[in-house]
Amino acid sequence: MFKIVVIFIHVLIFLLATVIGLGGVYNPAPPDPSRTFEVWFTAIAIFNTLVIISIFVQLKLKKVWVFSITVLGLVVLFYFLPHLVFYIEGIS
């Protein structure tokens, strides 16, 4: 049961992060038409890589408290991801 929950939650985080991240790129009204999205694509790729690493760690350790902290950490990181991208790009 733990394995199914870990896989389900991580797949859900992976898919939602990808869809929301691409929605920020392919929105109908971009804030700056001359803006490039290399940093944003890189940030989403790094985040998804962290999700994949997290799933393997969770399946190896099988501890509920580590799972809870990791999922909370991924959600917090995803919340701050746009702020990090804007900071790297120098956009206030």
Protein backbone atom coordinates (compact mmCIF):
# COMPACT_ATOMS: atom_id res chain seq x y z
CA MET A 1 0.00 0.00 0.00
CA PHE A 2 2.83 2.39 0.85
CA LYS A 3 4.43 1.77 -2.54
CA ILE A 4 1.20 2.58 -4.38
CA VAL A 5 0.69 5.80 -2.40
CA VAL A 6 4.29 6.93 -2.98
CA ILE A 7 4.06 6.30 -6.71
CA PHE A 8 0.63 7.94 -7.00
CA ILE A 9 1.60 11.10 -5.08
CA HIS A 10 4.87 11.54 -6.95
CA VAL A 11 3.27 10.97 -10.35
CA LEU A 12 0.59 13.50 -9.40
CA ILE A 13 3.22 16.06 -8.35
CA PHE A 14 5.22 15.40 -11.54
CA LEU A 15 2.22 15.83 -13.84
CA LEU A 16 0.78 18.88 -12.07
CA ALA A 17 4.17 20.61 -11.95
CA THR A 18 4.71 19.96 -15.65
CA VAL A 19 1.23 21.13 -16.68
CA ILE A 20 1.33 24.23 -14.48
CA GLY A 21 4.89 25.02 -15.58
CA LEU A 22 4.05 24.73 -19.25
CA GLY A 23 0.89 26.75 -18.67
CA GLY A 24 3.08 29.62 -17.53
CA VAL A 25 5.02 29.46 -20.78
CA TYR A 26 2.18 28.92 -23.23
CA ASN A 27 -0.36 31.32 -21.76
CA PRO A 28 -2.32 33.48 -24.22
CA ALA A 29 -1.17 36.78 -22.69
CA PRO A 30 2.56 36.69 -21.87
CA PRO A 31 3.74 39.59 -19.73
CA ASP A 32 6.82 40.23 -21.90
CA PRO A 33 6.83 39.08 -25.53
CA SER A 34 10.62 39.27 -25.81
CA ARG A 35 11.19 37.06 -22.76
CA THR A 36 12.90 33.72 -23.27
CA PHE A 37 11.97 30.67 -21.25
CA GLU A 38 15.22 28.68 -21.07
CA VAL A 39 15.56 29.26 -17.33
CA TRP A 40 11.93 28.28 -16.74
CA PHE A 41 12.25 25.04 -18.75
CA THR A 42 15.47 24.24 -16.90
CA ALA A 43 13.82 24.87 -13.53
CA ILE A 44 10.89 22.58 -14.40
CA ALA A 45 13.30 19.89 -15.63
CA ILE A 46 15.36 20.11 -12.43
CA PHE A 47 12.19 19.98 -10.31
CA ASN A 48 10.94 16.92 -12.17
CA THR A 49 14.34 15.29 -11.73
CA LEU A 50 14.06 15.93 -7.98
CA VAL A 51 10.62 14.30 -7.99
CA ILE A 52 12.05 11.22 -9.73
CA ILE A 53 14.95 11.04 -7.27
CA SER A 54 12.48 11.44 -4.41
CA ILE A 55 10.36 8.53 -5.57
CA PHE A 56 13.38 6.22 -5.67
CA VAL A 57 14.50 7.36 -2.22
CA GLN A 58 11.01 6.83 -0.81
CA LEU A 59 10.73 3.35 -2.26
CA LYS A 60 14.14 2.47 -0.84
CA LEU A 61 13.64 3.89 2.69
CA LYS A 62 9.92 3.15 3.24
CA LYS A 63 9.50 5.58 6.15
CA VAL A 64 6.29 7.59 6.47
CA TRP A 65 7.93 10.60 8.17
CA VAL A 66 10.55 10.87 5.39
CA PHE A 67 7.77 10.62 2.81
CA SER A 68 5.80 13.42 4.52
CA ILE A 69 8.82 15.72 4.77
CA THR A 70 9.84 15.05 1.17
CA VAL A 71 6.38 15.70 -0.26
CA LEU A 72 6.05 18.87 1.81
CA GLY A 73 9.49 19.97 0.62
CA LEU A 74 8.56 19.36 -3.02
CA VAL A 75 5.35 21.37 -2.66
CA VAL A 76 7.20 24.26 -0.98
CA LEU A 77 9.92 24.16 -3.64
CA PHE A 78 7.29 24.24 -6.37
CA TYR A 79 5.66 27.25 -4.69
CA PHE A 80 8.96 29.16 -4.69
CA LEU A 81 10.07 27.99 -8.15
CA PRO A 82 8.66 31.03 -10.04
CA HIS A 83 10.32 33.36 -7.53
CA LEU A 84 13.66 31.63 -8.07
CA VAL A 85 13.31 31.84 -11.85
CA PHE A 86 12.43 35.52 -11.72
CA TYR A 87 15.39 36.15 -9.39
CA ILE A 88 17.76 34.32 -11.75
CA GLU A 89 16.43 36.20 -14.77
CA GLY A 90 16.61 39.51 -12.94
CA ILE A 91 12.90 40.27 -13.27
CA SER A 92 11.32 41.92 -10.24
